[in-house]
Amino acid sequence: MQITDVRLRKVNSENRMKAVASVTFDGCFVVHDIKVIDPADKPAFIAMPSRRTPKGEFKDVAHPLNTETREMIEKAVLEAYENAEDVPAEKSEE
């Protein structure tokens, strides 16, 4: 499995979420809403798409099943985020 495209939308927000990515695999499957979290005191990381349960917990909608795949996705998304530093962020509605 190869990542064939990463699309990143930076957001101008006051919180730690700085961008949202869509990752395409093998040109035929896409995962939307991967969040880039960039806390001030730690390195940036990704959060997979999730939904809130009726109990208020968050459950991943899609996620990698092993460390190797998670690292591959995180590397690709964070590289796109770092390369997009000069691109103006969109105003967040949150």
PDB file of N, CA and C in Angstrom:
ATOM      1  N   MET A   1       0.848  -1.169   0.000  1.00  0.00           N
ATOM      2  CA  MET A   1       0.000   0.000   0.000  1.00  0.00           C
ATOM      3  C   MET A   1       0.898   1.238   0.000  1.00  0.00           C
ATOM      4  N   GLN A   2       0.569   2.168  -0.880  1.00  0.00           N
ATOM      5  CA  GLN A   2       1.338   3.406  -1.004  1.00  0.00           C
ATOM      6  C   GLN A   2       0.418   4.608  -0.839  1.00  0.00           C
ATOM      7  N   ILE A   3       0.949   5.650  -0.245  1.00  0.00           N
ATOM      8  CA  ILE A   3       0.224   6.914  -0.193  1.00  0.00           C
ATOM      9  C   ILE A   3       0.492   7.620  -1.514  1.00  0.00           C
ATOM     10  N   THR A   4      -0.577   7.911  -2.247  1.00  0.00           N
ATOM     11  CA  THR A   4      -0.421   8.522  -3.560  1.00  0.00           C
ATOM     12  C   THR A   4      -0.771  10.007  -3.573  1.00  0.00           C
ATOM     13  N   ASP A   5      -1.406  10.503  -2.501  1.00  0.00           N
ATOM     14  CA  ASP A   5      -1.720  11.929  -2.443  1.00  0.00           C
ATOM     15  C   ASP A   5      -2.018  12.333  -1.005  1.00  0.00           C
ATOM     16  N   VAL A   6      -1.573  13.523  -0.648  1.00  0.00           N
ATOM     17  CA  VAL A   6      -1.915  14.124   0.640  1.00  0.00           C
ATOM     18  C   VAL A   6      -2.383  15.537   0.351  1.00  0.00           C
ATOM     19  N   ARG A   7      -3.599  15.844   0.759  1.00  0.00           N
ATOM     20  CA  ARG A   7      -4.134  17.202   0.602  1.00  0.00           C
ATOM     21  C   ARG A   7      -4.334  17.778   1.987  1.00  0.00           C
ATOM     22  N   LEU A   8      -3.842  18.978   2.146  1.00  0.00           N
ATOM     23  CA  LEU A   8      -3.839  19.594   3.467  1.00  0.00           C
ATOM     24  C   LEU A   8      -4.567  20.926   3.422  1.00  0.00           C
ATOM     25  N   ARG A   9      -5.406  21.155   4.408  1.00  0.00           N
ATOM     26  CA  ARG A   9      -6.086  22.443   4.557  1.00  0.00           C
ATOM     27  C   ARG A   9      -5.708  22.986   5.923  1.00  0.00           C
ATOM     28  N   LYS A  10      -4.918  24.048   5.927  1.00  0.00           N
ATOM     29  CA  LYS A  10      -4.533  24.660   7.193  1.00  0.00           C
ATOM     30  C   LYS A  10      -5.714  25.456   7.729  1.00  0.00           C
ATOM     31  N   VAL A  11      -5.825  25.497   9.054  1.00  0.00           N
ATOM     32  CA  VAL A  11      -6.890  26.268   9.682  1.00  0.00           C
ATOM     33  C   VAL A  11      -6.274  27.291  10.621  1.00  0.00           C
ATOM     34  N   ASN A  12      -6.866  28.451  10.659  1.00  0.00           N
ATOM     35  CA  ASN A  12      -6.404  29.519  11.535  1.00  0.00           C
ATOM     36  C   ASN A  12      -7.257  29.461  12.794  1.00  0.00           C
ATOM     37  N   SER A  13      -6.753  28.745  13.791  1.00  0.00           N
ATOM     38  CA  SER A  13      -7.534  28.572  15.007  1.00  0.00           C
ATOM     39  C   SER A  13      -6.696  28.901  16.224  1.00  0.00           C
ATOM     40  N   GLU A  14      -7.384  29.176  17.300  1.00  0.00           N
ATOM     41  CA  GLU A  14      -6.718  29.483  18.556  1.00  0.00           C
ATOM     42  C   GLU A  14      -6.308  28.220  19.306  1.00  0.00           C
ATOM     43  N   ASN A  15      -6.856  27.074  18.920  1.00  0.00           N
ATOM     44  CA  ASN A  15      -6.523  25.838  19.622  1.00  0.00           C
ATOM     45  C   ASN A  15      -5.342  25.131  18.966  1.00  0.00           C
ATOM     46  N   ARG A  16      -5.070  23.924  19.391  1.00  0.00           N
ATOM     47  CA  ARG A  16      -3.888  23.185  18.922  1.00  0.00           C
ATOM     48  C   ARG A  16      -4.056  22.574  17.533  1.00  0.00           C
ATOM     49  N   MET A  17      -5.289  22.420  17.042  1.00  0.00           N
ATOM     50  CA  MET A  17      -5.489  21.850  15.706  1.00  0.00           C
ATOM     51  C   MET A  17      -5.102  22.888  14.660  1.00  0.00           C
ATOM     52  N   LYS A  18      -4.139  22.553  13.826  1.00  0.00           N
ATOM     53  CA  LYS A  18      -3.608  23.516  12.862  1.00  0.00           C
ATOM     54  C   LYS A  18      -3.942  23.200  11.415  1.00  0.00           C
ATOM     55  N   ALA A  19      -4.337  21.952  11.129  1.00  0.00           N
ATOM     56  CA  ALA A  19      -4.648  21.585   9.748  1.00  0.00           C
ATOM     57  C   ALA A  19      -5.494  20.322   9.730  1.00  0.00           C
ATOM     58  N   VAL A  20      -6.134  20.098   8.583  1.00  0.00           N
ATOM     59  CA  VAL A  20      -6.906  18.880   8.342  1.00  0.00           C
ATOM     60  C   VAL A  20      -6.420  18.304   7.023  1.00  0.00           C
ATOM     61  N   ALA A  21      -6.173  16.995   7.006  1.00  0.00           N
ATOM     62  CA  ALA A  21      -5.626  16.353   5.810  1.00  0.00           C
ATOM     63  C   ALA A  21      -6.553  15.271   5.280  1.00  0.00           C
ATOM     64  N   SER A  22      -6.419  15.025   3.977  1.00  0.00           N
ATOM     65  CA  SER A  22      -7.025  13.877   3.319  1.00  0.00           C
ATOM     66  C   SER A  22      -5.884  13.096   2.692  1.00  0.00           C
ATOM     67  N   VAL A  23      -5.860  11.799   2.940  1.00  0.00           N
ATOM     68  CA  VAL A  23      -4.777  10.951   2.439  1.00  0.00           C
ATOM     69  C   VAL A  23      -5.358   9.909   1.502  1.00  0.00           C
ATOM     70  N   THR A  24      -4.792   9.823   0.297  1.00  0.00           N
ATOM     71  CA  THR A  24      -5.236   8.852  -0.697  1.00  0.00           C
ATOM     72  C   THR A  24      -4.240   7.704  -0.751  1.00  0.00           C
ATOM     73  N   PHE A  25      -4.767   6.485  -0.767  1.00  0.00           N
ATOM     74  CA  PHE A  25      -3.958   5.271  -0.825  1.00  0.00           C
ATOM     75  C   PHE A  25      -4.154   4.588  -2.169  1.00  0.00           C
ATOM     76  N   ASP A  26      -3.044   4.282  -2.827  1.00  0.00           N
ATOM     77  CA  ASP A  26      -3.046   3.559  -4.099  1.00  0.00           C
ATOM     78  C   ASP A  26      -3.970   4.179  -5.146  1.00  0.00           C
ATOM     79  N   GLY A  27      -4.214   5.473  -5.035  1.00  0.00           N
ATOM     80  CA  GLY A  27      -5.041   6.157  -6.021  1.00  0.00           C
ATOM     81  C   GLY A  27      -6.493   5.723  -6.034  1.00  0.00           C
ATOM     82  N   CYS A  28      -6.938   4.961  -4.989  1.00  0.00           N
ATOM     83  CA  CYS A  28      -8.304   4.443  -5.054  1.00  0.00           C
ATOM     84  C   CYS A  28      -9.057   4.439  -3.724  1.00  0.00           C
ATOM     85  N   PHE A  29      -8.416   4.878  -2.631  1.00  0.00           N
ATOM     86  CA  PHE A  29      -9.100   4.911  -1.335  1.00  0.00           C
ATOM     87  C   PHE A  29      -8.608   6.127  -0.573  1.00  0.00           C
ATOM     88  N   VAL A  30      -9.535   6.906  -0.006  1.00  0.00           N
ATOM     89  CA  VAL A  30      -9.146   8.140   0.676  1.00  0.00           C
ATOM     90  C   VAL A  30      -9.695   8.162   2.101  1.00  0.00           C
ATOM     91  N   VAL A  31      -8.915   8.715   3.006  1.00  0.00           N
ATOM     92  CA  VAL A  31      -9.345   8.948   4.384  1.00  0.00           C
ATOM     93  C   VAL A  31      -9.306  10.457   4.598  1.00  0.00           C
ATOM     94  N   HIS A  32     -10.459  11.035   4.929  1.00  0.00           N
ATOM     95  CA  HIS A  32     -10.585  12.468   5.169  1.00  0.00           C
ATOM     96  C   HIS A  32     -10.510  12.766   6.664  1.00  0.00           C
ATOM     97  N   ASP A  33     -10.317  14.028   6.985  1.00  0.00           N
ATOM     98  CA  ASP A  33     -10.401  14.552   8.354  1.00  0.00           C
ATOM     99  C   ASP A  33      -9.337  14.030   9.303  1.00  0.00           C
ATOM    100  N   ILE A  34      -8.131  13.827   8.796  1.00  0.00           N
ATOM    101  CA  ILE A  34      -7.003  13.533   9.672  1.00  0.00           C
ATOM    102  C   ILE A  34      -6.510  14.881  10.176  1.00  0.00           C
ATOM    103  N   LYS A  35      -6.506  15.053  11.479  1.00  0.00           N
ATOM    104  CA  LYS A  35      -6.166  16.351  12.065  1.00  0.00           C
ATOM    105  C   LYS A  35      -4.678  16.440  12.388  1.00  0.00           C
ATOM    106  N   VAL A  36      -4.097  17.612  12.145  1.00  0.00           N
ATOM    107  CA  VAL A  36      -2.728  17.901  12.566  1.00  0.00           C
ATOM    108  C   VAL A  36      -2.830  18.710  13.851  1.00  0.00           C
ATOM    109  N   ILE A  37      -2.283  18.146  14.914  1.00  0.00           N
ATOM    110  CA  ILE A  37      -2.281  18.794  16.224  1.00  0.00           C
ATOM    111  C   ILE A  37      -0.856  19.270  16.487  1.00  0.00           C
ATOM    112  N   ASP A  38      -0.715  20.552  16.787  1.00  0.00           N
ATOM    113  CA  ASP A  38       0.617  21.125  17.003  1.00  0.00           C
ATOM    114  C   ASP A  38       0.642  21.883  18.332  1.00  0.00           C
ATOM    115  N   PRO A  39       0.872  21.135  19.430  1.00  0.00           N
ATOM    116  CA  PRO A  39       0.948  21.809  20.728  1.00  0.00           C
ATOM    117  C   PRO A  39       2.224  22.633  20.833  1.00  0.00           C
ATOM    118  N   ALA A  40       2.173  23.671  21.632  1.00  0.00           N
ATOM    119  CA  ALA A  40       3.321  24.577  21.747  1.00  0.00           C
ATOM    120  C   ALA A  40       4.542  23.900  22.362  1.00  0.00           C
ATOM    121  N   ASP A  41       4.320  22.963  23.269  1.00  0.00           N
ATOM    122  CA  ASP A  41       5.435  22.390  24.021  1.00  0.00           C
ATOM    123  C   ASP A  41       5.862  20.993  23.581  1.00  0.00           C
ATOM    124  N   LYS A  42       5.260  20.456  22.518  1.00  0.00           N
ATOM    125  CA  LYS A  42       5.586  19.102  22.046  1.00  0.00           C
ATOM    126  C   LYS A  42       5.615  19.097  20.520  1.00  0.00           C
ATOM    127  N   PRO A  43       6.192  18.044  19.924  1.00  0.00           N
ATOM    128  CA  PRO A  43       6.173  17.951  18.455  1.00  0.00           C
ATOM    129  C   PRO A  43       4.749  17.750  17.927  1.00  0.00           C
ATOM    130  N   ALA A  44       4.533  18.174  16.688  1.00  0.00           N
ATOM    131  CA  ALA A  44       3.238  17.985  16.032  1.00  0.00           C
ATOM    132  C   ALA A  44       2.963  16.495  15.852  1.00  0.00           C
ATOM    133  N   PHE A  45       1.667  16.145  15.839  1.00  0.00           N
ATOM    134  CA  PHE A  45       1.259  14.760  15.607  1.00  0.00           C
ATOM    135  C   PHE A  45      -0.084  14.774  14.898  1.00  0.00           C
ATOM    136  N   ILE A  46      -0.544  13.586  14.478  1.00  0.00           N
ATOM    137  CA  ILE A  46      -1.836  13.494  13.798  1.00  0.00           C
ATOM    138  C   ILE A  46      -2.850  12.791  14.696  1.00  0.00           C
ATOM    139  N   ALA A  47      -4.113  13.087  14.440  1.00  0.00           N
ATOM    140  CA  ALA A  47      -5.230  12.404  15.095  1.00  0.00           C
ATOM    141  C   ALA A  47      -6.132  11.893  13.983  1.00  0.00           C
ATOM    142  N   MET A  48      -6.426  10.615  14.044  1.00  0.00           N
ATOM    143  CA  MET A  48      -7.263  10.015  13.013  1.00  0.00           C
ATOM    144  C   MET A  48      -8.701  10.507  13.156  1.00  0.00           C
ATOM    145  N   PRO A  49      -9.502  10.418  12.068  1.00  0.00           N
ATOM    146  CA  PRO A  49     -10.882  10.896  12.119  1.00  0.00           C
ATOM    147  C   PRO A  49     -11.677  10.128  13.184  1.00  0.00           C
ATOM    148  N   SER A  50     -12.497  10.845  13.936  1.00  0.00           N
ATOM    149  CA  SER A  50     -13.256  10.206  15.008  1.00  0.00           C
ATOM    150  C   SER A  50     -14.636  10.841  15.129  1.00  0.00           C
ATOM    151  N   ARG A  51     -15.500  10.150  15.867  1.00  0.00           N
ATOM    152  CA  ARG A  51     -16.853  10.652  16.150  1.00  0.00           C
ATOM    153  C   ARG A  51     -17.117  10.516  17.643  1.00  0.00           C
ATOM    154  N   ARG A  52     -17.926  11.410  18.155  1.00  0.00           N
ATOM    155  CA  ARG A  52     -18.293  11.357  19.568  1.00  0.00           C
ATOM    156  C   ARG A  52     -19.425  10.338  19.751  1.00  0.00           C
ATOM    157  N   THR A  53     -19.284   9.459  20.731  1.00  0.00           N
ATOM    158  CA  THR A  53     -20.326   8.484  21.043  1.00  0.00           C
ATOM    159  C   THR A  53     -21.381   9.142  21.922  1.00  0.00           C
ATOM    160  N   PRO A  54     -22.534   8.505  22.078  1.00  0.00           N
ATOM    161  CA  PRO A  54     -23.554   9.067  22.974  1.00  0.00           C
ATOM    162  C   PRO A  54     -23.051   9.272  24.416  1.00  0.00           C
ATOM    163  N   LYS A  55     -22.044   8.519  24.819  1.00  0.00           N
ATOM    164  CA  LYS A  55     -21.479   8.670  26.163  1.00  0.00           C
ATOM    165  C   LYS A  55     -20.446   9.794  26.240  1.00  0.00           C
ATOM    166  N   GLY A  56     -20.180  10.469  25.106  1.00  0.00           N
ATOM    167  CA  GLY A  56     -19.236  11.578  25.096  1.00  0.00           C
ATOM    168  C   GLY A  56     -17.798  11.177  24.803  1.00  0.00           C
ATOM    169  N   GLU A  57     -17.545   9.901  24.570  1.00  0.00           N
ATOM    170  CA  GLU A  57     -16.203   9.437  24.224  1.00  0.00           C
ATOM    171  C   GLU A  57     -15.981   9.615  22.725  1.00  0.00           C
ATOM    172  N   PHE A  58     -14.719   9.667  22.329  1.00  0.00           N
ATOM    173  CA  PHE A  58     -14.389   9.735  20.909  1.00  0.00           C
ATOM    174  C   PHE A  58     -13.883   8.378  20.448  1.00  0.00           C
ATOM    175  N   LYS A  59     -14.412   7.888  19.337  1.00  0.00           N
ATOM    176  CA  LYS A  59     -13.991   6.617  18.740  1.00  0.00           C
ATOM    177  C   LYS A  59     -13.510   6.886  17.320  1.00  0.00           C
ATOM    178  N   ASP A  60     -12.364   6.305  16.964  1.00  0.00           N
ATOM    179  CA  ASP A  60     -11.838   6.471  15.609  1.00  0.00           C
ATOM    180  C   ASP A  60     -12.797   5.868  14.588  1.00  0.00           C
ATOM    181  N   VAL A  61     -12.982   6.584  13.485  1.00  0.00           N
ATOM    182  CA  VAL A  61     -13.778   6.094  12.367  1.00  0.00           C
ATOM    183  C   VAL A  61     -12.906   5.203  11.493  1.00  0.00           C
ATOM    184  N   ALA A  62     -11.653   5.606  11.321  1.00  0.00           N
ATOM    185  CA  ALA A  62     -10.675   4.842  10.552  1.00  0.00           C
ATOM    186  C   ALA A  62      -9.332   5.009  11.239  1.00  0.00           C
ATOM    187  N   HIS A  63      -8.560   3.938  11.260  1.00  0.00           N
ATOM    188  CA  HIS A  63      -7.248   4.021  11.886  1.00  0.00           C
ATOM    189  C   HIS A  63      -6.364   2.887  11.393  1.00  0.00           C
ATOM    190  N   PRO A  64      -5.033   3.097  11.413  1.00  0.00           N
ATOM    191  CA  PRO A  64      -4.113   2.037  10.996  1.00  0.00           C
ATOM    192  C   PRO A  64      -4.098   0.910  12.028  1.00  0.00           C
ATOM    193  N   LEU A  65      -3.837  -0.294  11.551  1.00  0.00           N
ATOM    194  CA  LEU A  65      -3.829  -1.453  12.435  1.00  0.00           C
ATOM    195  C   LEU A  65      -2.449  -1.785  12.985  1.00  0.00           C
ATOM    196  N   ASN A  66      -1.425  -1.109  12.472  1.00  0.00           N
ATOM    197  CA  ASN A  66      -0.085  -1.393  13.000  1.00  0.00           C
ATOM    198  C   ASN A  66       0.751  -0.113  13.023  1.00  0.00           C
ATOM    199  N   THR A  67       1.840  -0.185  13.774  1.00  0.00           N
ATOM    200  CA  THR A  67       2.711   0.977  13.969  1.00  0.00           C
ATOM    201  C   THR A  67       3.342   1.439  12.665  1.00  0.00           C
ATOM    202  N   GLU A  68       3.740   0.510  11.823  1.00  0.00           N
ATOM    203  CA  GLU A  68       4.394   0.860  10.554  1.00  0.00           C
ATOM    204  C   GLU A  68       3.479   1.721   9.684  1.00  0.00           C
ATOM    205  N   THR A  69       2.224   1.348   9.592  1.00  0.00           N
ATOM    206  CA  THR A  69       1.277   2.109   8.771  1.00  0.00           C
ATOM    207  C   THR A  69       0.992   3.470   9.401  1.00  0.00           C
ATOM    208  N   ARG A  70       0.836   3.515  10.715  1.00  0.00           N
ATOM    209  CA  ARG A  70       0.605   4.801  11.397  1.00  0.00           C
ATOM    210  C   ARG A  70       1.779   5.739  11.152  1.00  0.00           C
ATOM    211  N   GLU A  71       2.995   5.236  11.263  1.00  0.00           N
ATOM    212  CA  GLU A  71       4.180   6.073  11.040  1.00  0.00           C
ATOM    213  C   GLU A  71       4.248   6.566   9.601  1.00  0.00           C
ATOM    214  N   MET A  72       3.869   5.718   8.638  1.00  0.00           N
ATOM    215  CA  MET A  72       3.873   6.109   7.226  1.00  0.00           C
ATOM    216  C   MET A  72       2.888   7.261   6.998  1.00  0.00           C
ATOM    217  N   ILE A  73       1.685   7.142   7.562  1.00  0.00           N
ATOM    218  CA  ILE A  73       0.673   8.182   7.395  1.00  0.00           C
ATOM    219  C   ILE A  73       1.112   9.460   8.101  1.00  0.00           C
ATOM    220  N   GLU A  74       1.590   9.327   9.328  1.00  0.00           N
ATOM    221  CA  GLU A  74       2.004  10.504  10.088  1.00  0.00           C
ATOM    222  C   GLU A  74       3.148  11.235   9.393  1.00  0.00           C
ATOM    223  N   LYS A  75       4.114  10.496   8.881  1.00  0.00           N
ATOM    224  CA  LYS A  75       5.244  11.114   8.180  1.00  0.00           C
ATOM    225  C   LYS A  75       4.763  11.902   6.960  1.00  0.00           C
ATOM    226  N   ALA A  76       3.884  11.298   6.158  1.00  0.00           N
ATOM    227  CA  ALA A  76       3.398  11.957   4.940  1.00  0.00           C
ATOM    228  C   ALA A  76       2.595  13.217   5.271  1.00  0.00           C
ATOM    229  N   VAL A  77       1.727  13.139   6.273  1.00  0.00           N
ATOM    230  CA  VAL A  77       0.885  14.290   6.626  1.00  0.00           C
ATOM    231  C   VAL A  77       1.729  15.396   7.237  1.00  0.00           C
ATOM    232  N   LEU A  78       2.648  15.055   8.137  1.00  0.00           N
ATOM    233  CA  LEU A  78       3.469  16.090   8.773  1.00  0.00           C
ATOM    234  C   LEU A  78       4.430  16.738   7.787  1.00  0.00           C
ATOM    235  N   GLU A  79       4.926  15.985   6.799  1.00  0.00           N
ATOM    236  CA  GLU A  79       5.756  16.588   5.752  1.00  0.00           C
ATOM    237  C   GLU A  79       4.941  17.595   4.955  1.00  0.00           C
ATOM    238  N   ALA A  80       3.698  17.242   4.622  1.00  0.00           N
ATOM    239  CA  ALA A  80       2.829  18.173   3.890  1.00  0.00           C
ATOM    240  C   ALA A  80       2.553  19.413   4.735  1.00  0.00           C
ATOM    241  N   TYR A  81       2.364  19.225   6.026  1.00  0.00           N
ATOM    242  CA  TYR A  81       2.121  20.353   6.936  1.00  0.00           C
ATOM    243  C   TYR A  81       3.341  21.269   7.005  1.00  0.00           C
ATOM    244  N   GLU A  82       4.514  20.701   7.155  1.00  0.00           N
ATOM    245  CA  GLU A  82       5.739  21.503   7.225  1.00  0.00           C
ATOM    246  C   GLU A  82       6.000  22.246   5.919  1.00  0.00           C
ATOM    247  N   ASN A  83       5.707  21.606   4.786  1.00  0.00           N
ATOM    248  CA  ASN A  83       5.913  22.238   3.486  1.00  0.00           C
ATOM    249  C   ASN A  83       4.868  23.305   3.196  1.00  0.00           C
ATOM    250  N   ALA A  84       3.763  23.277   3.917  1.00  0.00           N
ATOM    251  CA  ALA A  84       2.684  24.246   3.697  1.00  0.00           C
ATOM    252  C   ALA A  84       2.768  25.419   4.658  1.00  0.00           C
ATOM    253  N   GLU A  85       3.863  25.546   5.389  1.00  0.00           N
ATOM    254  CA  GLU A  85       3.998  26.621   6.385  1.00  0.00           C
ATOM    255  C   GLU A  85       3.789  28.004   5.779  1.00  0.00           C
ATOM    256  N   ASP A  86       4.171  28.209   4.537  1.00  0.00           N
ATOM    257  CA  ASP A  86       4.055  29.518   3.904  1.00  0.00           C
ATOM    258  C   ASP A  86       2.666  29.784   3.342  1.00  0.00           C
ATOM    259  N   VAL A  87       1.803  28.773   3.325  1.00  0.00           N
ATOM    260  CA  VAL A  87       0.465  28.925   2.778  1.00  0.00           C
ATOM    261  C   VAL A  87      -0.435  29.539   3.846  1.00  0.00           C
ATOM    262  N   PRO A  88      -1.184  30.602   3.519  1.00  0.00           N
ATOM    263  CA  PRO A  88      -2.062  31.195   4.522  1.00  0.00           C
ATOM    264  C   PRO A  88      -3.137  30.205   4.986  1.00  0.00           C
ATOM    265  N   ALA A  89      -3.449  30.237   6.256  1.00  0.00           N
ATOM    266  CA  ALA A  89      -4.472  29.352   6.815  1.00  0.00           C
ATOM    267  C   ALA A  89      -5.844  29.927   6.570  1.00  0.00           C
ATOM    268  N   GLU A  90      -6.835  29.011   6.472  1.00  0.00           N
ATOM    269  CA  GLU A  90      -8.223  29.430   6.345  1.00  0.00           C
ATOM    270  C   GLU A  90      -8.745  29.781   7.732  1.00  0.00           C
ATOM    271  N   LYS A  91      -9.683  30.675   7.787  1.00  0.00           N
ATOM    272  CA  LYS A  91     -10.283  31.055   9.063  1.00  0.00           C
ATOM    273  C   LYS A  91     -11.131  29.897   9.567  1.00  0.00           C
ATOM    274  N   SER A  92     -10.921  29.484  10.825  1.00  0.00           N
ATOM    275  CA  SER A  92     -11.654  28.388  11.433  1.00  0.00           C
ATOM    276  C   SER A  92     -13.021  28.860  11.889  1.00  0.00           C
ATOM    277  N   GLU A  93     -14.018  28.000  11.752  1.00  0.00           N
ATOM    278  CA  GLU A  93     -15.377  28.315  12.183  1.00  0.00           C
ATOM    279  C   GLU A  93     -15.607  27.886  13.622  1.00  0.00           C
ATOM    280  N   GLU A  94     -14.624  27.238  14.244  1.00  0.00           N
ATOM    281  CA  GLU A  94     -14.785  26.691  15.592  1.00  0.00           C
ATOM    282  C   GLU A  94     -14.712  27.730  16.653  1.00  0.00           C
TER     283      GLU A  94
END
